[in-house]
Amino acid sequence: MTGQEVFEITMDLIDERLDSGNISESDTVSYKVKAPSILTIGQCEIAKMLDYFSPLPNRITDLSQELEIDEVIATNLLPYFLATHLMLEEKDDVAAYFNDRYEELKYYYKKGQPASEEPIKDVYGGF
């Protein structure tokens, strides 16, 4: 999945797709400029949360780049993350909604991860 594909899903979420089915380049230019760095942050946050990469994924500099996280997770989480950050200065109530949805989905995916194993330390002694 590319950054462009996530961007297009996000434009649907924030209602920037025209009735013709196209996304207006003139109306979304500032979003497109901000999107690569926001996607970089989101991809890194998700990868770290799910213990995907060490080191973290590469920086997104162009929306045509392939994302390095799982496509299902990218499709479900990154559009909400991107929408949150694009809406922060314009509509804080809409940004809050997208952030809540992102956190909810992030929790869902994190919950599905296996627990880490740690040896049990006997702190009482005796047995």
C-alpha atoms as a PDB file:
ATOM      1  CA  MET A   1       0.000   0.000   0.000  1.00  0.00           C
ATOM      2  CA  THR A   2       1.294   3.447  -0.872  1.00  0.00           C
ATOM      3  CA  GLY A   3       1.050   6.725   0.965  1.00  0.00           C
ATOM      4  CA  GLN A   4      -1.160   7.964  -1.892  1.00  0.00           C
ATOM      5  CA  GLU A   5      -3.689   5.207  -1.257  1.00  0.00           C
ATOM      6  CA  VAL A   6      -3.864   6.127   2.444  1.00  0.00           C
ATOM      7  CA  PHE A   7      -4.138   9.795   1.464  1.00  0.00           C
ATOM      8  CA  GLU A   8      -7.107   9.059  -0.806  1.00  0.00           C
ATOM      9  CA  ILE A   9      -8.907   7.086   1.916  1.00  0.00           C
ATOM     10  CA  THR A  10      -8.280   9.997   4.268  1.00  0.00           C
ATOM     11  CA  MET A  11      -9.709  12.475   1.774  1.00  0.00           C
ATOM     12  CA  ASP A  12     -12.891  10.375   1.757  1.00  0.00           C
ATOM     13  CA  LEU A  13     -12.997  10.487   5.568  1.00  0.00           C
ATOM     14  CA  ILE A  14     -12.656  14.260   5.700  1.00  0.00           C
ATOM     15  CA  ASP A  15     -15.110  14.706   2.802  1.00  0.00           C
ATOM     16  CA  GLU A  16     -12.709  16.133   0.249  1.00  0.00           C
ATOM     17  CA  ARG A  17     -13.701  13.880  -2.657  1.00  0.00           C
ATOM     18  CA  LEU A  18     -15.771  15.667  -5.288  1.00  0.00           C
ATOM     19  CA  ASP A  19     -19.053  14.326  -6.678  1.00  0.00           C
ATOM     20  CA  SER A  20     -17.132  13.450  -9.845  1.00  0.00           C
ATOM     21  CA  GLY A  21     -15.092  10.955  -7.814  1.00  0.00           C
ATOM     22  CA  ASN A  22     -11.900  13.001  -8.086  1.00  0.00           C
ATOM     23  CA  ILE A  23      -9.989  14.735  -5.338  1.00  0.00           C
ATOM     24  CA  SER A  24      -9.508  18.442  -5.998  1.00  0.00           C
ATOM     25  CA  GLU A  25      -5.787  19.144  -6.275  1.00  0.00           C
ATOM     26  CA  SER A  26      -6.263  22.854  -5.519  1.00  0.00           C
ATOM     27  CA  ASP A  27      -8.345  22.237  -2.376  1.00  0.00           C
ATOM     28  CA  THR A  28      -6.066  19.555  -0.931  1.00  0.00           C
ATOM     29  CA  VAL A  29      -2.591  20.833  -1.808  1.00  0.00           C
ATOM     30  CA  SER A  30      -1.743  21.763   1.793  1.00  0.00           C
ATOM     31  CA  TYR A  31      -2.905  18.327   2.962  1.00  0.00           C
ATOM     32  CA  LYS A  32      -0.733  16.648   0.356  1.00  0.00           C
ATOM     33  CA  VAL A  33       2.307  18.640   1.476  1.00  0.00           C
ATOM     34  CA  LYS A  34       1.815  17.644   5.129  1.00  0.00           C
ATOM     35  CA  ALA A  35       0.832  14.014   4.523  1.00  0.00           C
ATOM     36  CA  PRO A  36       4.277  12.399   4.022  1.00  0.00           C
ATOM     37  CA  SER A  37       5.692  13.535   7.357  1.00  0.00           C
ATOM     38  CA  ILE A  38       2.456  12.704   9.198  1.00  0.00           C
ATOM     39  CA  LEU A  39       2.405   9.248   7.597  1.00  0.00           C
ATOM     40  CA  THR A  40       6.026   8.750   8.647  1.00  0.00           C
ATOM     41  CA  ILE A  41       5.119   9.479  12.256  1.00  0.00           C
ATOM     42  CA  GLY A  42       2.020   7.277  12.106  1.00  0.00           C
ATOM     43  CA  GLN A  43       3.829   4.384  10.480  1.00  0.00           C
ATOM     44  CA  CYS A  44       6.598   4.563  13.091  1.00  0.00           C
ATOM     45  CA  GLU A  45       4.115   4.746  15.963  1.00  0.00           C
ATOM     46  CA  ILE A  46       2.185   1.740  14.690  1.00  0.00           C
ATOM     47  CA  ALA A  47       5.335  -0.259  13.947  1.00  0.00           C
ATOM     48  CA  LYS A  48       6.707   0.455  17.428  1.00  0.00           C
ATOM     49  CA  MET A  49       3.381  -0.394  19.071  1.00  0.00           C
ATOM     50  CA  LEU A  50       3.254  -3.753  17.293  1.00  0.00           C
ATOM     51  CA  ASP A  51       7.010  -4.428  17.649  1.00  0.00           C
ATOM     52  CA  TYR A  52       7.297  -4.639  13.861  1.00  0.00           C
ATOM     53  CA  PHE A  53      10.630  -3.117  13.108  1.00  0.00           C
ATOM     54  CA  SER A  54      13.988  -2.535  14.577  1.00  0.00           C
ATOM     55  CA  PRO A  55      15.048  -0.030  13.356  1.00  0.00           C
ATOM     56  CA  LEU A  56      11.834   1.813  12.614  1.00  0.00           C
ATOM     57  CA  PRO A  57      10.400   2.144   9.068  1.00  0.00           C
ATOM     58  CA  ASN A  58      11.944   4.523   6.560  1.00  0.00           C
ATOM     59  CA  ARG A  59      10.840   8.129   6.274  1.00  0.00           C
ATOM     60  CA  ILE A  60       8.043   8.823   3.786  1.00  0.00           C
ATOM     61  CA  THR A  61       9.146  11.642   1.491  1.00  0.00           C
ATOM     62  CA  ASP A  62       6.732  11.057  -1.384  1.00  0.00           C
ATOM     63  CA  LEU A  63       3.201   9.677  -1.367  1.00  0.00           C
ATOM     64  CA  SER A  64       4.079   7.220  -4.124  1.00  0.00           C
ATOM     65  CA  GLN A  65       6.300   5.305  -1.671  1.00  0.00           C
ATOM     66  CA  GLU A  66       5.213   1.918  -0.410  1.00  0.00           C
ATOM     67  CA  LEU A  67       4.438   1.799   3.293  1.00  0.00           C
ATOM     68  CA  GLU A  68       6.361  -0.709   5.340  1.00  0.00           C
ATOM     69  CA  ILE A  69       3.610  -1.800   7.701  1.00  0.00           C
ATOM     70  CA  ASP A  70       0.978  -4.446   7.058  1.00  0.00           C
ATOM     71  CA  GLU A  71      -1.601  -3.379   4.457  1.00  0.00           C
ATOM     72  CA  VAL A  72      -4.625  -4.279   6.595  1.00  0.00           C
ATOM     73  CA  ILE A  73      -3.289  -2.267   9.523  1.00  0.00           C
ATOM     74  CA  ALA A  74      -2.284   0.604   7.253  1.00  0.00           C
ATOM     75  CA  THR A  75      -5.761   0.665   5.708  1.00  0.00           C
ATOM     76  CA  ASN A  76      -7.522   0.620   9.063  1.00  0.00           C
ATOM     77  CA  LEU A  77      -5.304   2.850  11.215  1.00  0.00           C
ATOM     78  CA  LEU A  78      -3.324   5.312   9.115  1.00  0.00           C
ATOM     79  CA  PRO A  79      -6.271   7.146   7.496  1.00  0.00           C
ATOM     80  CA  TYR A  80      -7.631   8.022  10.946  1.00  0.00           C
ATOM     81  CA  PHE A  81      -4.186   9.079  12.141  1.00  0.00           C
ATOM     82  CA  LEU A  82      -3.700  11.266   9.070  1.00  0.00           C
ATOM     83  CA  ALA A  83      -7.220  12.719   9.287  1.00  0.00           C
ATOM     84  CA  THR A  84      -6.657  13.623  12.938  1.00  0.00           C
ATOM     85  CA  HIS A  85      -3.521  15.599  12.184  1.00  0.00           C
ATOM     86  CA  LEU A  86      -4.863  17.274   9.053  1.00  0.00           C
ATOM     87  CA  MET A  87      -7.985  18.468  10.877  1.00  0.00           C
ATOM     88  CA  LEU A  88      -6.285  19.757  14.055  1.00  0.00           C
ATOM     89  CA  GLU A  89      -6.149  23.392  12.967  1.00  0.00           C
ATOM     90  CA  GLU A  90      -9.402  23.420  11.002  1.00  0.00           C
ATOM     91  CA  LYS A  91     -11.980  21.482  12.998  1.00  0.00           C
ATOM     92  CA  ASP A  92     -10.878  20.331  16.419  1.00  0.00           C
ATOM     93  CA  ASP A  93     -14.119  18.418  17.080  1.00  0.00           C
ATOM     94  CA  VAL A  94     -13.656  16.442  13.861  1.00  0.00           C
ATOM     95  CA  ALA A  95      -9.987  15.859  14.730  1.00  0.00           C
ATOM     96  CA  ALA A  96     -11.073  14.572  18.152  1.00  0.00           C
ATOM     97  CA  TYR A  97     -13.496  12.132  16.530  1.00  0.00           C
ATOM     98  CA  PHE A  98     -10.811  10.762  14.199  1.00  0.00           C
ATOM     99  CA  ASN A  99      -8.331  10.535  17.073  1.00  0.00           C
ATOM    100  CA  ASP A 100     -10.827   8.578  19.201  1.00  0.00           C
ATOM    101  CA  ARG A 101     -11.413   6.185  16.319  1.00  0.00           C
ATOM    102  CA  TYR A 102      -7.660   5.798  15.773  1.00  0.00           C
ATOM    103  CA  GLU A 103      -7.082   5.043  19.472  1.00  0.00           C
ATOM    104  CA  GLU A 104      -9.949   2.547  19.490  1.00  0.00           C
ATOM    105  CA  LEU A 105      -8.573   0.695  16.465  1.00  0.00           C
ATOM    106  CA  LYS A 106      -5.012   0.885  17.777  1.00  0.00           C
ATOM    107  CA  TYR A 107      -6.158  -0.742  21.014  1.00  0.00           C
ATOM    108  CA  TYR A 108      -7.945  -3.459  19.029  1.00  0.00           C
ATOM    109  CA  TYR A 109      -4.822  -4.317  17.041  1.00  0.00           C
ATOM    110  CA  LYS A 110      -2.516  -4.080  20.040  1.00  0.00           C
ATOM    111  CA  LYS A 111      -4.801  -6.324  22.092  1.00  0.00           C
ATOM    112  CA  GLY A 112      -4.432  -9.031  19.479  1.00  0.00           C
ATOM    113  CA  GLN A 113      -0.669  -9.151  19.975  1.00  0.00           C
ATOM    114  CA  PRO A 114       0.761 -12.007  22.036  1.00  0.00           C
ATOM    115  CA  ALA A 115       1.866 -11.125  25.531  1.00  0.00           C
ATOM    116  CA  SER A 116       5.574 -10.934  26.166  1.00  0.00           C
ATOM    117  CA  GLU A 117       7.186 -13.577  28.323  1.00  0.00           C
ATOM    118  CA  GLU A 118       9.168 -12.762  31.434  1.00  0.00           C
ATOM    119  CA  PRO A 119      10.567 -15.148  33.992  1.00  0.00           C
ATOM    120  CA  ILE A 120       8.796 -15.012  37.334  1.00  0.00           C
ATOM    121  CA  LYS A 121      11.061 -13.836  40.094  1.00  0.00           C
ATOM    122  CA  ASP A 122      10.523 -15.337  43.541  1.00  0.00           C
ATOM    123  CA  VAL A 123      10.627 -12.316  45.799  1.00  0.00           C
ATOM    124  CA  TYR A 124       9.516 -14.160  48.948  1.00  0.00           C
ATOM    125  CA  GLY A 125      11.988 -17.044  48.924  1.00  0.00           C
ATOM    126  CA  GLY A 126      11.432 -20.233  50.870  1.00  0.00           C
ATOM    127  CA  PHE A 127       9.690 -22.462  48.349  1.00  0.00           C
END
